[in-house]
N, C-alpha and C. Protein backbone atom coordinates (compact mmCIF):
# COMPACT_ATOMS: atom_id res chain seq x y z
N MET A 1 -2.29 2.59 16.00
CA MET A 1 -0.97 2.81 15.35
C MET A 1 -0.28 2.55 16.73
N GLY A 2 0.85 1.79 16.43
CA GLY A 2 1.68 1.48 17.65
C GLY A 2 2.53 2.63 17.69
N SER A 3 3.49 2.68 18.80
CA SER A 3 4.27 3.79 19.24
C SER A 3 5.36 3.90 18.21
N ALA A 4 5.92 2.76 17.67
CA ALA A 4 7.00 2.69 16.68
C ALA A 4 6.24 3.33 15.02
N GLY A 5 5.05 3.04 14.70
CA GLY A 5 4.46 3.56 13.68
C GLY A 5 4.16 5.06 13.69
N ALA A 6 3.70 5.30 14.96
CA ALA A 6 3.51 6.86 15.17
C ALA A 6 4.75 7.67 15.26
N SER A 7 5.69 7.04 15.54
CA SER A 7 7.12 8.00 15.78
C SER A 7 7.49 8.04 14.33
N SER A 8 7.44 7.09 13.43
CA SER A 8 8.05 7.21 11.88
C SER A 8 6.99 8.04 11.36
N ALA A 9 5.77 8.15 11.59
CA ALA A 9 4.79 8.90 10.91
C ALA A 9 5.36 10.50 11.50
N VAL A 10 5.46 10.63 12.55
CA VAL A 10 5.88 12.02 13.02
C VAL A 10 7.10 12.39 12.27
N GLU A 11 8.17 11.68 12.13
CA GLU A 11 9.35 11.99 11.53
C GLU A 11 9.19 12.26 10.11
N TRP A 12 8.25 11.54 9.29
CA TRP A 12 7.82 11.79 7.96
C TRP A 12 7.19 13.38 7.85
N LEU A 13 6.15 13.42 8.78
CA LEU A 13 5.44 14.65 8.73
C LEU A 13 6.33 15.80 9.01
N VAL A 14 7.17 16.14 10.05
CA VAL A 14 7.86 17.06 10.23
C VAL A 14 9.06 17.26 9.21
N SER A 15 9.53 16.18 8.39
CA SER A 15 10.40 16.22 7.53
C SER A 15 9.83 17.20 6.16
N ALA A 16 8.55 17.61 6.42
CA ALA A 16 8.10 18.64 5.25
C ALA A 16 8.32 19.97 5.69
N ALA A 17 8.60 20.31 6.99
CA ALA A 17 8.78 21.50 7.35
C ALA A 17 10.29 22.02 7.29
N GLY A 18 10.34 23.40 7.28
CA GLY A 18 11.58 23.91 7.46
C GLY A 18 12.16 23.85 8.80
N ASP A 19 11.33 23.71 9.63
CA ASP A 19 11.62 23.84 11.22
C ASP A 19 11.02 22.67 11.91
N PRO A 20 11.71 21.39 11.73
CA PRO A 20 10.99 20.23 12.43
C PRO A 20 10.73 20.38 14.01
N GLU A 21 11.97 20.85 14.60
CA GLU A 21 11.81 20.92 16.08
C GLU A 21 10.57 21.84 16.33
N GLY A 22 10.50 22.98 15.72
CA GLY A 22 9.28 23.79 15.83
C GLY A 22 8.04 23.32 15.72
N VAL A 23 7.87 22.41 14.78
CA VAL A 23 6.51 21.71 14.60
C VAL A 23 6.26 20.81 15.64
N ARG A 24 7.21 20.11 16.22
CA ARG A 24 7.25 19.18 17.37
C ARG A 24 6.85 20.05 18.59
N ARG A 25 7.39 21.29 18.71
CA ARG A 25 6.98 22.18 19.85
C ARG A 25 5.49 22.58 19.64
N GLU A 26 5.14 22.88 18.48
CA GLU A 26 3.76 23.39 18.42
C GLU A 26 2.76 22.19 18.65
N TRP A 27 2.95 21.05 18.25
CA TRP A 27 2.31 19.79 18.59
C TRP A 27 1.99 19.68 20.16
N GLU A 28 3.23 20.01 20.81
CA GLU A 28 3.20 20.04 22.17
C GLU A 28 2.36 20.99 22.90
N ARG A 29 2.46 22.19 22.38
CA ARG A 29 1.91 23.48 22.88
C ARG A 29 0.52 23.72 22.52
N ASN A 30 0.22 23.33 21.41
CA ASN A 30 -1.24 23.59 21.07
C ASN A 30 -2.38 22.80 21.84
N PRO A 31 -3.21 23.37 22.33
CA PRO A 31 -4.01 22.48 23.06
C PRO A 31 -4.96 21.65 22.15
N LEU A 32 -5.02 21.80 20.86
CA LEU A 32 -5.94 20.87 19.94
C LEU A 32 -4.86 19.59 19.42
N GLY A 33 -3.54 19.94 19.77
CA GLY A 33 -2.88 18.88 19.19
C GLY A 33 -2.47 18.75 17.80
N VAL A 34 -2.54 20.03 17.31
CA VAL A 34 -2.43 20.17 15.72
C VAL A 34 -1.46 21.16 15.61
N ALA A 35 -0.58 21.20 14.26
CA ALA A 35 0.24 22.01 13.89
C ALA A 35 0.17 22.33 12.23
N LEU A 36 0.50 23.51 11.72
CA LEU A 36 0.81 23.76 10.47
C LEU A 36 1.74 23.32 9.74
N LEU A 37 1.56 22.58 8.72
CA LEU A 37 2.79 22.09 7.76
C LEU A 37 2.50 22.44 6.36
N PRO A 38 3.54 22.84 5.71
CA PRO A 38 3.65 23.26 4.47
C PRO A 38 3.01 22.17 3.42
N ALA A 39 2.17 22.37 2.40
CA ALA A 39 1.70 21.45 1.42
C ALA A 39 2.77 21.54 0.20
N GLY A 40 2.77 20.53 -0.65
CA GLY A 40 3.63 20.95 -1.94
C GLY A 40 5.13 20.26 -2.01
N ARG A 41 5.51 19.97 -0.79
CA ARG A 41 6.95 19.50 -0.62
C ARG A 41 6.98 18.01 -0.65
N LEU A 42 6.23 17.27 0.33
CA LEU A 42 6.02 15.78 0.23
C LEU A 42 4.68 15.18 -0.08
N TRP A 43 3.78 16.05 -0.20
CA TRP A 43 2.45 15.90 -0.48
C TRP A 43 1.60 16.94 -0.90
N ASP A 44 0.59 16.77 -1.68
CA ASP A 44 -0.61 17.96 -1.83
C ASP A 44 -1.76 17.11 -1.07
N VAL A 45 -2.73 17.80 -0.74
CA VAL A 45 -4.06 17.36 -0.12
C VAL A 45 -5.03 17.87 -1.03
N LEU A 46 -6.12 16.81 -1.49
CA LEU A 46 -7.17 17.01 -2.15
C LEU A 46 -8.36 16.89 -1.00
N ILE A 47 -9.11 18.19 -1.02
CA ILE A 47 -10.20 18.27 0.20
C ILE A 47 -11.53 18.10 -0.56
N LEU A 48 -12.31 17.04 -0.01
CA LEU A 48 -13.54 16.87 -0.57
C LEU A 48 -14.62 17.17 0.51
N GLY A 49 -15.93 17.75 0.23
CA GLY A 49 -16.79 17.75 1.45
C GLY A 49 -17.24 16.37 2.01
N GLY A 50 -17.52 16.20 3.12
CA GLY A 50 -17.83 14.95 3.72
C GLY A 50 -18.85 14.07 2.84
N GLU A 51 -19.95 14.79 2.34
CA GLU A 51 -20.92 14.08 1.51
C GLU A 51 -20.37 13.31 0.68
N LEU A 52 -19.28 13.47 -0.03
CA LEU A 52 -18.68 12.86 -1.23
C LEU A 52 -17.47 12.21 -0.38
N GLY A 53 -16.86 12.73 0.38
CA GLY A 53 -15.59 12.30 0.98
C GLY A 53 -15.83 10.98 1.53
N TYR A 54 -16.68 10.60 2.34
CA TYR A 54 -16.87 9.45 3.15
C TYR A 54 -17.11 8.40 2.15
N PRO A 55 -17.97 8.51 1.28
CA PRO A 55 -18.25 7.30 0.28
C PRO A 55 -17.01 7.06 -0.70
N THR A 56 -16.24 8.30 -0.97
CA THR A 56 -14.88 8.14 -1.59
C THR A 56 -14.02 7.12 -0.87
N LEU A 57 -13.96 7.47 0.55
CA LEU A 57 -13.07 6.68 1.26
C LEU A 57 -13.43 5.38 1.33
N ASP A 58 -14.66 4.95 1.50
CA ASP A 58 -15.17 3.68 1.43
C ASP A 58 -14.88 2.85 0.18
N VAL A 59 -15.12 3.42 -1.12
CA VAL A 59 -14.54 2.87 -2.45
C VAL A 59 -13.03 2.72 -2.28
N LEU A 60 -12.31 3.81 -2.08
CA LEU A 60 -11.07 3.82 -2.07
C LEU A 60 -10.49 2.78 -1.11
N THR A 61 -11.03 2.34 -0.16
CA THR A 61 -10.38 1.21 0.73
C THR A 61 -10.71 -0.11 -0.18
N LEU A 62 -11.64 -0.19 -0.66
CA LEU A 62 -11.89 -1.38 -1.56
C LEU A 62 -11.00 -1.40 -2.79
N LEU A 63 -10.62 -0.31 -3.42
CA LEU A 63 -9.74 -0.17 -4.71
C LEU A 63 -8.26 -0.23 -4.36
N ALA A 64 -7.68 0.20 -3.18
CA ALA A 64 -6.47 0.27 -2.71
C ALA A 64 -6.12 -0.84 -1.64
N GLU A 65 -5.12 -1.60 -1.88
CA GLU A 65 -4.65 -2.39 -0.84
C GLU A 65 -4.47 -1.64 0.56
N ARG A 66 -4.02 -0.64 0.35
CA ARG A 66 -3.35 0.27 1.33
C ARG A 66 -3.43 1.89 1.00
N PRO A 67 -4.67 2.37 1.41
CA PRO A 67 -4.88 3.90 1.10
C PRO A 67 -3.70 4.66 1.78
N GLY A 68 -3.39 5.88 1.18
CA GLY A 68 -2.55 6.80 1.98
C GLY A 68 -3.41 7.71 2.94
N PRO A 69 -2.57 8.42 3.60
CA PRO A 69 -3.28 9.30 4.64
C PRO A 69 -4.32 9.87 4.35
N VAL A 70 -5.58 10.17 5.32
CA VAL A 70 -6.68 10.73 5.11
C VAL A 70 -6.99 11.52 6.36
N LEU A 71 -7.29 12.65 6.31
CA LEU A 71 -7.84 13.70 7.46
C LEU A 71 -9.10 14.02 7.40
N ALA A 72 -9.77 14.16 8.46
CA ALA A 72 -11.07 14.69 8.83
C ALA A 72 -11.21 15.84 9.53
N ASP A 73 -11.96 16.96 9.27
CA ASP A 73 -12.07 18.21 10.21
C ASP A 73 -12.93 17.88 11.47
N PHE A 74 -12.95 18.69 12.23
CA PHE A 74 -13.71 18.55 13.59
C PHE A 74 -15.02 18.10 13.22
N ALA A 75 -15.75 18.45 12.27
CA ALA A 75 -17.17 18.51 12.24
C ALA A 75 -17.58 17.52 11.08
N ASP A 76 -16.52 16.74 10.65
CA ASP A 76 -16.58 15.85 9.41
C ASP A 76 -17.33 16.28 8.28
N THR A 77 -17.19 17.65 7.96
CA THR A 77 -17.45 18.23 6.80
C THR A 77 -16.65 18.04 5.75
N ARG A 78 -15.29 17.90 6.10
CA ARG A 78 -14.38 17.84 4.89
C ARG A 78 -13.39 16.69 5.22
N LEU A 79 -13.07 16.04 4.04
CA LEU A 79 -12.05 15.06 4.10
C LEU A 79 -10.85 15.58 3.36
N GLY A 80 -9.50 15.33 3.78
CA GLY A 80 -8.32 15.57 3.03
C GLY A 80 -7.49 14.31 2.62
N PHE A 81 -7.38 14.14 1.32
CA PHE A 81 -6.64 13.16 0.83
C PHE A 81 -5.20 13.36 0.54
N PHE A 82 -4.15 12.79 1.08
CA PHE A 82 -2.83 13.17 0.84
C PHE A 82 -2.52 12.48 -0.64
N VAL A 83 -2.00 13.17 -1.33
CA VAL A 83 -1.46 12.72 -2.84
C VAL A 83 -0.14 13.37 -2.94
N PRO A 84 0.42 12.77 -4.14
CA PRO A 84 1.85 13.18 -4.48
C PRO A 84 1.98 14.68 -4.91
N PRO A 85 2.96 15.21 -4.41
CA PRO A 85 3.18 16.64 -4.80
C PRO A 85 2.99 17.16 -6.17
N GLY A 86 2.39 17.98 -6.39
CA GLY A 86 2.15 18.51 -8.05
C GLY A 86 0.55 18.14 -8.41
N THR A 87 0.09 17.16 -7.76
CA THR A 87 -1.26 16.80 -8.20
C THR A 87 -2.15 17.76 -8.14
N THR A 88 -2.15 18.72 -7.38
CA THR A 88 -3.30 19.57 -7.43
C THR A 88 -3.15 20.71 -8.53
N SER A 89 -1.87 20.69 -9.04
CA SER A 89 -1.78 21.81 -10.12
C SER A 89 -2.45 21.53 -11.52
N HIS A 90 -2.66 20.24 -11.61
CA HIS A 90 -3.40 19.65 -12.59
C HIS A 90 -4.67 18.93 -12.46
N TRP A 91 -5.28 19.20 -11.15
CA TRP A 91 -6.42 18.51 -10.73
C TRP A 91 -7.65 19.25 -10.93
N LEU A 92 -8.61 18.78 -11.96
CA LEU A 92 -10.00 19.69 -12.19
C LEU A 92 -10.87 18.99 -11.79
N ALA A 93 -11.61 19.14 -10.65
CA ALA A 93 -12.90 18.63 -10.27
C ALA A 93 -13.62 19.55 -9.43
N ARG A 94 -14.92 19.82 -9.90
CA ARG A 94 -15.85 20.71 -9.06
C ARG A 94 -16.09 20.07 -7.83
N GLY A 95 -16.06 21.09 -6.86
CA GLY A 95 -16.33 20.70 -5.43
C GLY A 95 -15.11 20.04 -4.55
N VAL A 96 -13.90 20.06 -5.47
CA VAL A 96 -12.56 19.52 -4.78
C VAL A 96 -11.84 20.71 -4.71
N ARG A 97 -11.20 20.86 -3.61
CA ARG A 97 -10.11 22.09 -3.41
C ARG A 97 -8.85 21.28 -3.16
N GLY A 98 -7.89 21.86 -3.87
CA GLY A 98 -6.58 21.25 -3.82
C GLY A 98 -5.52 22.21 -3.06
N VAL A 99 -4.60 21.51 -2.24
CA VAL A 99 -3.95 22.43 -1.21
C VAL A 99 -2.39 21.77 -1.71
N GLY A 100 -1.80 22.94 -2.35
CA GLY A 100 -0.47 22.47 -2.75
C GLY A 100 0.84 23.35 -2.44
N ARG A 101 1.71 23.51 -3.35
CA ARG A 101 2.81 24.29 -2.96
C ARG A 101 2.41 25.87 -2.65
N GLY A 102 2.84 26.25 -1.84
CA GLY A 102 2.61 27.51 -1.17
C GLY A 102 1.47 27.59 -0.02
N THR A 103 1.10 26.80 0.25
CA THR A 103 -0.13 26.73 1.19
C THR A 103 0.19 25.70 2.31
N TRP A 104 -0.71 25.79 3.36
CA TRP A 104 -0.34 25.19 4.54
C TRP A 104 -1.52 24.25 5.10
N ILE A 105 -1.46 23.27 5.79
CA ILE A 105 -2.64 22.49 6.32
C ILE A 105 -2.54 22.13 7.59
N VAL A 106 -3.54 22.31 8.36
CA VAL A 106 -3.62 21.72 9.91
C VAL A 106 -3.33 20.10 9.96
N VAL A 107 -2.23 19.82 10.62
CA VAL A 107 -2.07 18.34 10.60
C VAL A 107 -1.96 18.05 12.20
N PRO A 108 -2.80 17.02 12.53
CA PRO A 108 -2.69 16.45 13.91
C PRO A 108 -1.44 15.62 14.14
N TYR A 109 -1.17 15.35 15.48
CA TYR A 109 -0.15 14.46 15.72
C TYR A 109 -0.66 13.07 15.71
N PRO A 110 0.06 12.24 14.84
CA PRO A 110 -0.31 10.92 14.61
C PRO A 110 -0.35 10.02 16.02
N GLY A 111 -1.50 9.32 16.29
CA GLY A 111 -1.58 8.52 17.13
C GLY A 111 -2.02 9.09 18.45
N ARG A 112 -2.33 10.36 18.59
CA ARG A 112 -2.85 11.13 19.70
C ARG A 112 -4.30 11.45 19.46
N PRO A 113 -5.09 11.54 20.49
CA PRO A 113 -6.51 12.05 20.19
C PRO A 113 -6.36 13.62 20.20
N THR A 114 -7.08 14.24 19.31
CA THR A 114 -6.86 15.77 19.19
C THR A 114 -8.56 16.19 19.41
N GLY A 115 -8.46 17.72 19.63
CA GLY A 115 -9.45 18.37 19.76
C GLY A 115 -10.21 18.70 18.48
N GLY A 116 -9.80 18.37 17.43
CA GLY A 116 -10.22 19.07 16.07
C GLY A 116 -10.08 17.87 15.00
N VAL A 117 -9.05 18.47 14.16
CA VAL A 117 -8.85 17.67 12.89
C VAL A 117 -8.12 16.16 13.32
N ARG A 118 -8.60 15.25 12.76
CA ARG A 118 -8.00 13.96 13.16
C ARG A 118 -7.63 12.97 11.82
N TRP A 119 -7.04 12.13 11.93
CA TRP A 119 -6.55 11.11 11.10
C TRP A 119 -7.70 10.15 11.15
N LEU A 120 -8.13 9.86 9.86
CA LEU A 120 -8.95 8.58 9.58
C LEU A 120 -8.04 7.31 9.01
N ILE A 121 -7.15 7.76 8.26
CA ILE A 121 -6.20 6.81 8.00
C ILE A 121 -4.56 7.73 8.05
N PRO A 122 -3.98 7.29 9.27
CA PRO A 122 -2.66 8.01 9.51
C PRO A 122 -1.64 7.73 8.57
N PRO A 123 -0.58 8.56 8.49
CA PRO A 123 0.35 8.22 7.62
C PRO A 123 1.41 6.99 8.38
N ASP A 124 1.86 6.26 7.59
CA ASP A 124 2.71 5.10 8.11
C ASP A 124 4.19 5.36 8.20
N GLY A 125 4.48 6.44 7.88
CA GLY A 125 5.93 7.12 8.15
C GLY A 125 6.82 6.63 6.85
N THR A 126 6.16 6.09 5.87
CA THR A 126 7.03 5.56 4.58
C THR A 126 6.84 6.66 3.59
N GLY A 127 6.02 7.29 3.63
CA GLY A 127 5.75 8.38 2.57
C GLY A 127 4.89 7.86 1.75
N HIS A 128 4.24 6.82 1.91
CA HIS A 128 2.96 6.29 1.02
C HIS A 128 1.82 7.20 0.84
N LEU A 129 1.49 7.47 -0.17
CA LEU A 129 0.46 8.40 -0.52
C LEU A 129 -0.86 7.77 -1.24
N ASN A 130 -1.87 8.43 -1.54
CA ASN A 130 -3.17 8.02 -2.14
C ASN A 130 -2.67 8.26 -3.62
N ASP A 131 -3.07 7.20 -4.59
CA ASP A 131 -2.67 7.36 -5.75
C ASP A 131 -3.86 8.31 -6.55
N PRO A 132 -3.41 9.17 -7.26
CA PRO A 132 -4.41 10.07 -7.62
C PRO A 132 -5.54 9.42 -8.76
N GLY A 133 -5.04 8.40 -9.67
CA GLY A 133 -5.83 7.71 -10.39
C GLY A 133 -7.01 6.77 -9.80
N ARG A 134 -6.49 6.26 -8.91
CA ARG A 134 -7.35 5.44 -7.88
C ARG A 134 -8.22 6.21 -7.05
N LEU A 135 -7.97 7.49 -6.67
CA LEU A 135 -8.79 8.43 -5.76
C LEU A 135 -9.68 9.02 -6.81
N GLU A 136 -9.35 9.37 -8.13
CA GLU A 136 -10.46 9.76 -8.98
C GLU A 136 -11.32 8.67 -9.22
N LEU A 137 -10.96 7.50 -9.46
CA LEU A 137 -11.85 6.36 -9.86
C LEU A 137 -12.84 6.16 -8.37
N ALA A 138 -12.42 6.34 -7.48
CA ALA A 138 -13.27 6.23 -6.20
C ALA A 138 -14.29 7.16 -6.18
N MET A 139 -13.57 8.49 -6.34
CA MET A 139 -14.73 9.67 -6.36
C MET A 139 -15.84 9.50 -7.44
N HIS A 140 -15.47 8.88 -8.67
CA HIS A 140 -16.56 8.80 -9.68
C HIS A 140 -17.39 7.65 -9.13
N GLU A 141 -16.98 6.70 -8.74
CA GLU A 141 -17.69 5.62 -8.29
C GLU A 141 -18.69 5.85 -7.01
N ALA A 142 -18.28 6.77 -5.99
CA ALA A 142 -18.85 7.41 -4.90
C ALA A 142 -19.93 8.23 -5.41
N ALA A 143 -19.66 9.18 -6.32
CA ALA A 143 -20.84 10.10 -6.92
C ALA A 143 -21.89 9.33 -7.74
N ALA A 144 -21.43 8.31 -8.23
CA ALA A 144 -22.55 7.51 -8.97
C ALA A 144 -23.48 6.99 -7.91
N ARG A 145 -22.78 6.36 -6.94
CA ARG A 145 -23.55 5.44 -5.79
C ARG A 145 -24.50 6.66 -5.15
N LEU A 146 -24.12 7.99 -5.06
CA LEU A 146 -24.85 9.12 -4.38
C LEU A 146 -25.99 9.38 -5.19
N ALA A 147 -25.70 9.26 -6.63
CA ALA A 147 -26.71 9.87 -7.61
C ALA A 147 -27.66 8.46 -7.75
N GLY A 148 -27.45 7.30 -7.32
CA GLY A 148 -28.34 6.41 -7.10
C GLY A 148 -28.20 5.54 -8.42
N GLY A 149 -26.83 5.41 -8.87
CA GLY A 149 -26.51 4.91 -10.38
C GLY A 149 -25.65 3.67 -10.10
C-alpha cells in the first residue's frame, strides 16, 4: 500500500473513533502498532476461525472484484472480515463471532508491520467493505471444499 493509500485508510479508520487523535497517539505509543477502535459505527466485523477463514478469503477473492478489509490475528487462528454496520445483529452462523455496536476491535496501523494483528487486505480509505451476501456464499463454498464436496 502506498503512503497515500495508507494515509486515507488511517483517516477512514480513525473517523470511527470518538477521539481520532487519541487513536493516532495509541498507534504511535503501542509497541505492537495497534489500537482499539469501536465497531458498529462504520463497520461490523465477522470473525471466523483460521481453518474456515483462509479458505473463505480465497473464495471471496474470486467472487469479489475487490474484497473489503480483512484482519488476521498474530497466530493466524482467526480472521476478521469488515462488513457494513448492523450486519452482526442478524447474522446467524455457527462458529462465526460478530463484533458490532458496543464492542471494540484491535486494529493495526495500515501499511506498517506490526507485532501481532495484521491486515491481510487493508482498508483502501474509501469505506469499501465486504458484501455480506458474497461473504456468506464464500463461507458456504469454503465449508463445502473443506468437507470434500
